[in-house]
C-alpha atoms as a PDB file:
ATOM      1  CA  MET A   1      82.900  79.229  64.655  1.00  0.00           C
ATOM      2  CA  PRO A   2      83.259  76.734  61.779  1.00  0.00           C
ATOM      3  CA  ILE A   3      85.148  73.493  62.275  1.00  0.00           C
ATOM      4  CA  GLN A   4      88.818  73.870  61.338  1.00  0.00           C
ATOM      5  CA  HIS A   5      90.862  70.944  60.013  1.00  0.00           C
ATOM      6  CA  PHE A   6      94.648  70.520  60.181  1.00  0.00           C
ATOM      7  CA  ALA A   7      96.096  68.313  57.447  1.00  0.00           C
ATOM      8  CA  PRO A   8      98.982  65.887  57.902  1.00  0.00           C
ATOM      9  CA  PRO A   9     102.390  67.194  56.865  1.00  0.00           C
ATOM     10  CA  PRO A  10     102.991  66.666  53.123  1.00  0.00           C
ATOM     11  CA  HIS A  11     105.752  64.051  53.675  1.00  0.00           C
ATOM     12  CA  VAL A  12     103.557  61.784  55.810  1.00  0.00           C
ATOM     13  CA  LYS A  13     101.528  59.139  54.039  1.00  0.00           C
ATOM     14  CA  ALA A  14      98.367  59.257  56.132  1.00  0.00           C
ATOM     15  CA  PRO A  15      94.978  57.587  55.863  1.00  0.00           C
ATOM     16  CA  PRO A  16      91.995  59.815  55.060  1.00  0.00           C
ATOM     17  CA  LEU A  17      91.901  61.950  58.213  1.00  0.00           C
ATOM     18  CA  SER A  18      92.804  65.321  59.644  1.00  0.00           C
ATOM     19  CA  PHE A  19      95.789  65.358  62.011  1.00  0.00           C
ATOM     20  CA  ALA A  20      93.638  67.574  64.209  1.00  0.00           C
ATOM     21  CA  THR A  21      90.224  69.209  64.169  1.00  0.00           C
ATOM     22  CA  ARG A  22      89.240  72.349  66.045  1.00  0.00           C
ATOM     23  CA  ALA A  23      85.641  72.669  67.182  1.00  0.00           C
ATOM     24  CA  GLY A  24      85.081  75.799  69.241  1.00  0.00           C
ATOM     25  CA  ASP A  25      87.737  75.964  71.967  1.00  0.00           C
ATOM     26  CA  LEU A  26      88.653  72.269  71.730  1.00  0.00           C
ATOM     27  CA  LEU A  27      91.330  70.726  69.545  1.00  0.00           C
ATOM     28  CA  PHE A  28      91.034  66.983  68.861  1.00  0.00           C
ATOM     29  CA  VAL A  29      94.388  65.501  67.815  1.00  0.00           C
ATOM     30  CA  SER A  30      94.174  62.242  65.863  1.00  0.00           C
ATOM     31  CA  GLY A  31      96.256  59.272  66.913  1.00  0.00           C
ATOM     32  CA  ILE A  32      99.853  60.158  66.080  1.00  0.00           C
ATOM     33  CA  PRO A  33     102.289  57.271  65.503  1.00  0.00           C
ATOM     34  CA  GLY A  34     106.081  57.528  65.726  1.00  0.00           C
ATOM     35  CA  PHE A  35     106.960  58.497  62.145  1.00  0.00           C
ATOM     36  CA  ASP A  36     110.000  60.732  61.743  1.00  0.00           C
ATOM     37  CA  ALA A  37     110.339  63.869  59.591  1.00  0.00           C
ATOM     38  CA  THR A  38     110.878  61.772  56.451  1.00  0.00           C
ATOM     39  CA  GLY A  39     107.827  59.597  57.078  1.00  0.00           C
ATOM     40  CA  ALA A  40     109.920  56.609  58.214  1.00  0.00           C
ATOM     41  CA  LEU A  41     109.116  54.563  61.301  1.00  0.00           C
ATOM     42  CA  PRO A  42     112.192  53.833  63.452  1.00  0.00           C
ATOM     43  CA  ASP A  43     112.581  50.437  65.103  1.00  0.00           C
ATOM     44  CA  GLY A  44     113.036  51.443  68.754  1.00  0.00           C
ATOM     45  CA  PHE A  45     110.361  52.464  71.248  1.00  0.00           C
ATOM     46  CA  ASP A  46     112.279  55.506  72.541  1.00  0.00           C
ATOM     47  CA  ALA A  47     112.720  56.869  69.011  1.00  0.00           C
ATOM     48  CA  GLN A  48     109.066  56.304  68.156  1.00  0.00           C
ATOM     49  CA  PHE A  49     107.959  58.010  71.380  1.00  0.00           C
ATOM     50  CA  ALA A  50     110.238  61.007  70.663  1.00  0.00           C
ATOM     51  CA  ASN A  51     108.714  61.350  67.189  1.00  0.00           C
ATOM     52  CA  VAL A  52     105.185  61.175  68.589  1.00  0.00           C
ATOM     53  CA  ALA A  53     105.999  63.974  71.065  1.00  0.00           C
ATOM     54  CA  VAL A  54     107.542  66.162  68.331  1.00  0.00           C
ATOM     55  CA  ASN A  55     104.565  65.605  66.029  1.00  0.00           C
ATOM     56  CA  ILE A  56     101.988  66.348  68.731  1.00  0.00           C
ATOM     57  CA  LYS A  57     103.826  69.547  69.665  1.00  0.00           C
ATOM     58  CA  ARG A  58     103.890  70.552  65.982  1.00  0.00           C
ATOM     59  CA  VAL A  59     100.145  69.979  65.575  1.00  0.00           C
ATOM     60  CA  LEU A  60      99.445  71.888  68.792  1.00  0.00           C
ATOM     61  CA  ALA A  61     101.634  74.818  67.689  1.00  0.00           C
ATOM     62  CA  GLU A  62      99.917  74.946  64.295  1.00  0.00           C
ATOM     63  CA  ALA A  63      96.614  75.371  66.149  1.00  0.00           C
ATOM     64  CA  GLY A  64      98.024  77.978  68.562  1.00  0.00           C
ATOM     65  CA  ALA A  65      98.390  75.626  71.532  1.00  0.00           C
ATOM     66  CA  GLU A  66     101.148  73.940  73.511  1.00  0.00           C
ATOM     67  CA  ILE A  67     101.620  70.894  75.739  1.00  0.00           C
ATOM     68  CA  ARG A  68     100.250  72.765  78.782  1.00  0.00           C
ATOM     69  CA  ASP A  69      96.909  73.090  76.927  1.00  0.00           C
ATOM     70  CA  LEU A  70      96.342  69.325  76.773  1.00  0.00           C
ATOM     71  CA  VAL A  71      93.420  68.162  78.868  1.00  0.00           C
ATOM     72  CA  LYS A  72      93.186  64.459  77.873  1.00  0.00           C
ATOM     73  CA  VAL A  73      95.658  62.031  76.326  1.00  0.00           C
ATOM     74  CA  ASN A  74      95.098  58.444  75.165  1.00  0.00           C
ATOM     75  CA  VAL A  75      98.211  56.298  74.763  1.00  0.00           C
ATOM     76  CA  LEU A  76      98.085  53.060  72.776  1.00  0.00           C
ATOM     77  CA  LEU A  77     100.990  50.628  73.154  1.00  0.00           C
ATOM     78  CA  THR A  78     101.489  47.297  71.428  1.00  0.00           C
ATOM     79  CA  ARG A  79     103.752  45.889  74.173  1.00  0.00           C
ATOM     80  CA  ALA A  80     103.041  45.913  77.900  1.00  0.00           C
ATOM     81  CA  SER A  81     106.806  45.830  78.441  1.00  0.00           C
ATOM     82  CA  ASP A  82     106.963  49.451  77.184  1.00  0.00           C
ATOM     83  CA  VAL A  83     104.695  50.896  79.900  1.00  0.00           C
ATOM     84  CA  ALA A  84     107.521  51.807  82.309  1.00  0.00           C
ATOM     85  CA  ALA A  85     109.623  53.384  79.537  1.00  0.00           C
ATOM     86  CA  MET A  86     106.568  55.260  78.270  1.00  0.00           C
ATOM     87  CA  ASN A  87     105.856  56.655  81.749  1.00  0.00           C
ATOM     88  CA  ALA A  88     109.439  57.925  82.079  1.00  0.00           C
ATOM     89  CA  LEU A  89     109.491  59.463  78.600  1.00  0.00           C
ATOM     90  CA  TYR A  90     105.971  60.853  79.032  1.00  0.00           C
ATOM     91  CA  ALA A  91     106.944  62.677  82.236  1.00  0.00           C
ATOM     92  CA  GLY A  92     109.660  64.540  80.355  1.00  0.00           C
ATOM     93  CA  ALA A  93     107.679  65.268  77.193  1.00  0.00           C
ATOM     94  CA  PHE A  94     104.328  66.179  78.781  1.00  0.00           C
ATOM     95  CA  GLY A  95     105.524  67.716  82.053  1.00  0.00           C
ATOM     96  CA  PRO A  96     106.101  69.253  84.417  1.00  0.00           C
ATOM     97  CA  PRO A  97     103.057  68.374  86.530  1.00  0.00           C
ATOM     98  CA  PRO A  98     100.173  68.773  86.522  1.00  0.00           C
ATOM     99  CA  TYR A  99      99.777  66.362  83.624  1.00  0.00           C
ATOM    100  CA  PRO A 100      96.691  66.023  81.445  1.00  0.00           C
ATOM    101  CA  ALA A 101      94.213  63.262  82.238  1.00  0.00           C
ATOM    102  CA  ARG A 102      95.424  60.073  80.560  1.00  0.00           C
ATOM    103  CA  THR A 103      94.386  56.577  79.580  1.00  0.00           C
ATOM    104  CA  THR A 104      97.009  54.008  78.613  1.00  0.00           C
ATOM    105  CA  CYS A 105      95.975  50.845  76.791  1.00  0.00           C
ATOM    106  CA  VAL A 106      97.977  47.899  75.541  1.00  0.00           C
ATOM    107  CA  VAL A 107      96.425  46.834  72.253  1.00  0.00           C
ATOM    108  CA  HIS A 108      96.907  43.773  70.092  1.00  0.00           C
ATOM    109  CA  ALA A 109      98.080  45.790  67.082  1.00  0.00           C
ATOM    110  CA  LEU A 110      98.196  49.177  65.392  1.00  0.00           C
ATOM    111  CA  PRO A 111      97.729  49.733  61.624  1.00  0.00           C
ATOM    112  CA  ASP A 112     101.415  49.108  60.793  1.00  0.00           C
ATOM    113  CA  PRO A 113     102.957  46.064  62.512  1.00  0.00           C
ATOM    114  CA  LYS A 114     106.121  48.110  63.259  1.00  0.00           C
ATOM    115  CA  MET A 115     104.134  50.742  65.220  1.00  0.00           C
ATOM    116  CA  LEU A 116     104.839  50.462  68.935  1.00  0.00           C
ATOM    117  CA  ILE A 117     102.922  53.539  70.112  1.00  0.00           C
ATOM    118  CA  GLU A 118     100.218  55.950  69.068  1.00  0.00           C
ATOM    119  CA  ILE A 119      98.950  58.924  71.070  1.00  0.00           C
ATOM    120  CA  GLU A 120      95.766  60.926  70.585  1.00  0.00           C
ATOM    121  CA  ALA A 121      94.841  63.990  72.582  1.00  0.00           C
ATOM    122  CA  VAL A 122      92.370  66.760  73.301  1.00  0.00           C
ATOM    123  CA  ALA A 123      93.551  70.305  74.010  1.00  0.00           C
ATOM    124  CA  SER A 124      91.784  73.408  75.210  1.00  0.00           C
ATOM    125  CA  LEU A 125      92.306  76.485  73.043  1.00  0.00           C
ATOM    126  CA  ALA A 126      90.405  78.745  75.447  1.00  0.00           C
ATOM    127  CA  LYS A 127      92.706  81.513  76.638  1.00  0.00           C
ATOM    128  CA  SER A 128      91.996  82.956  80.081  1.00  0.00           C
END
Protein backbone atom coordinates (compact mmCIF):
# COMPACT_ATOMS: atom_id res chain seq x y z
CA MET A 1 0.00 0.00 0.00
CA PRO A 2 1.43 3.43 -0.91
CA ILE A 3 1.96 6.05 1.77
CA GLN A 4 -1.09 8.31 2.11
CA HIS A 5 -0.78 11.94 3.23
CA PHE A 6 -3.47 14.07 4.90
CA ALA A 7 -3.07 17.80 4.34
CA PRO A 8 -3.83 20.49 6.91
CA PRO A 9 -7.25 22.11 6.62
CA PRO A 10 -7.19 25.02 4.13
CA HIS A 11 -7.73 27.69 6.83
CA VAL A 12 -4.72 26.60 8.90
CA LYS A 13 -1.39 28.21 8.11
CA ALA A 14 0.89 25.21 8.62
CA PRO A 15 4.58 24.61 8.06
CA PRO A 16 5.56 22.20 5.27
CA LEU A 17 4.13 18.96 6.67
CA SER A 18 1.24 16.54 6.43
CA PHE A 19 -1.23 16.64 9.33
CA ALA A 20 -1.06 12.86 9.21
CA THR A 21 0.58 10.12 7.18
CA ARG A 22 -0.71 6.59 6.75
CA ALA A 23 1.83 3.83 6.24
CA GLY A 24 0.20 0.41 6.11
CA ASP A 25 -2.11 0.04 9.11
CA LEU A 26 -0.51 2.88 11.09
CA LEU A 27 -1.51 6.53 11.06
CA PHE A 28 1.09 9.03 12.29
CA VAL A 29 -0.54 12.30 13.37
CA SER A 30 1.77 15.33 13.38
CA GLY A 31 1.95 17.56 16.42
CA ILE A 32 -1.36 19.41 16.57
CA PRO A 33 -1.43 22.76 18.40
CA GLY A 34 -4.55 24.45 19.77
CA PHE A 35 -5.65 26.50 16.75
CA ASP A 36 -9.39 27.00 16.37
CA ALA A 37 -11.51 26.60 13.21
CA THR A 38 -10.45 30.04 11.96
CA GLY A 39 -6.75 29.37 12.48
CA ALA A 40 -6.57 31.57 15.61
CA LEU A 41 -4.83 30.50 18.80
CA PRO A 42 -6.88 31.24 21.94
CA ASP A 43 -5.15 32.47 25.08
CA GLY A 44 -6.33 29.89 27.63
CA PHE A 45 -5.01 26.37 28.17
CA ASP A 46 -8.48 24.76 28.34
CA ALA A 47 -9.48 26.32 25.01
CA GLN A 48 -6.24 25.27 23.35
CA PHE A 49 -6.62 21.71 24.66
CA ALA A 50 -10.23 21.54 23.39
CA ASN A 51 -9.07 22.65 19.93
CA VAL A 52 -6.29 20.06 19.90
CA ALA A 53 -8.80 17.31 20.75
CA VAL A 54 -11.22 18.46 18.02
CA ASN A 55 -8.43 18.64 15.44
CA ILE A 56 -7.03 15.21 16.31
CA LYS A 57 -10.51 13.68 16.09
CA ARG A 58 -11.00 15.35 12.69
CA VAL A 59 -7.70 13.99 11.35
CA LEU A 60 -8.52 10.52 12.71
CA ALA A 61 -12.00 10.58 11.13
CA GLU A 62 -10.56 11.67 7.77
CA ALA A 63 -8.35 8.56 7.88
CA GLY A 64 -11.21 6.27 8.98
CA ALA A 65 -10.18 6.07 12.64
CA GLU A 66 -11.38 7.32 16.01
CA ILE A 67 -9.96 8.04 19.47
CA ARG A 68 -10.22 4.35 20.47
CA ASP A 69 -7.73 3.54 17.67
CA LEU A 70 -4.92 5.59 19.24
CA VAL A 71 -2.03 3.49 20.46
CA LYS A 72 0.52 6.19 21.45
CA VAL A 73 0.19 9.88 22.30
CA ASN A 74 2.93 12.44 22.98
CA VAL A 75 1.87 15.60 24.81
CA LEU A 76 4.09 18.68 24.82
CA LEU A 77 3.33 21.42 27.34
CA THR A 78 5.12 24.72 27.81
CA ARG A 79 4.09 25.08 31.48
CA ALA A 80 4.43 22.43 34.18
CA SER A 81 1.52 24.12 35.96
CA ASP A 82 -0.80 22.80 33.20
CA VAL A 83 -0.08 19.10 33.84
CA ALA A 84 -2.98 18.57 36.28
CA ALA A 85 -5.45 20.40 34.02
CA MET A 86 -4.18 18.45 31.02
CA ASN A 87 -4.68 15.13 32.83
CA ALA A 88 -8.28 16.04 33.70
CA LEU A 89 -9.10 17.26 30.19
CA TYR A 90 -7.25 14.33 28.62
CA ALA A 91 -9.32 11.80 30.58
CA GLY A 92 -12.50 13.24 29.10
CA ALA A 93 -11.24 13.69 25.54
CA PHE A 94 -9.28 10.43 25.18
CA GLY A 95 -11.35 8.15 27.42
CA PRO A 96 -12.89 6.09 28.73
CA PRO A 97 -10.08 3.75 29.78
CA PRO A 98 -8.08 2.01 28.58
CA TYR A 99 -6.11 5.00 27.35
CA PRO A 100 -3.38 4.92 24.72
CA ALA A 101 0.23 4.80 25.87
CA ARG A 102 1.37 8.36 26.55
CA THR A 103 4.42 10.51 27.16
CA THR A 104 4.03 14.00 28.60
CA CYS A 105 6.91 16.46 28.37
CA VAL A 106 7.26 20.03 29.55
CA VAL A 107 9.31 21.86 26.94
CA HIS A 108 10.96 25.25 26.93
CA ALA A 109 8.94 26.49 23.94
CA LEU A 110 6.83 25.54 20.94
CA PRO A 111 7.04 27.25 17.52
CA ASP A 112 4.61 30.06 18.45
CA PRO A 113 5.22 31.64 21.87
CA LYS A 114 1.43 31.61 22.54
CA MET A 115 1.23 27.81 22.09
CA LEU A 116 0.66 26.09 25.42
CA ILE A 117 0.17 22.53 24.15
CA GLU A 118 0.82 20.31 21.17
CA ILE A 119 -0.15 16.65 20.83
CA GLU A 120 1.10 14.08 18.34
CA ALA A 121 -0.20 10.55 18.06
CA VAL A 122 -0.04 7.17 16.39
CA ALA A 123 -3.22 5.23 15.59
CA SER A 124 -3.84 1.72 14.37
CA LEU A 125 -6.06 1.46 11.29
CA ALA A 126 -6.12 -2.34 11.41
CA LYS A 127 -9.70 -3.52 11.77
CA SER A 128 -10.23 -6.85 13.53
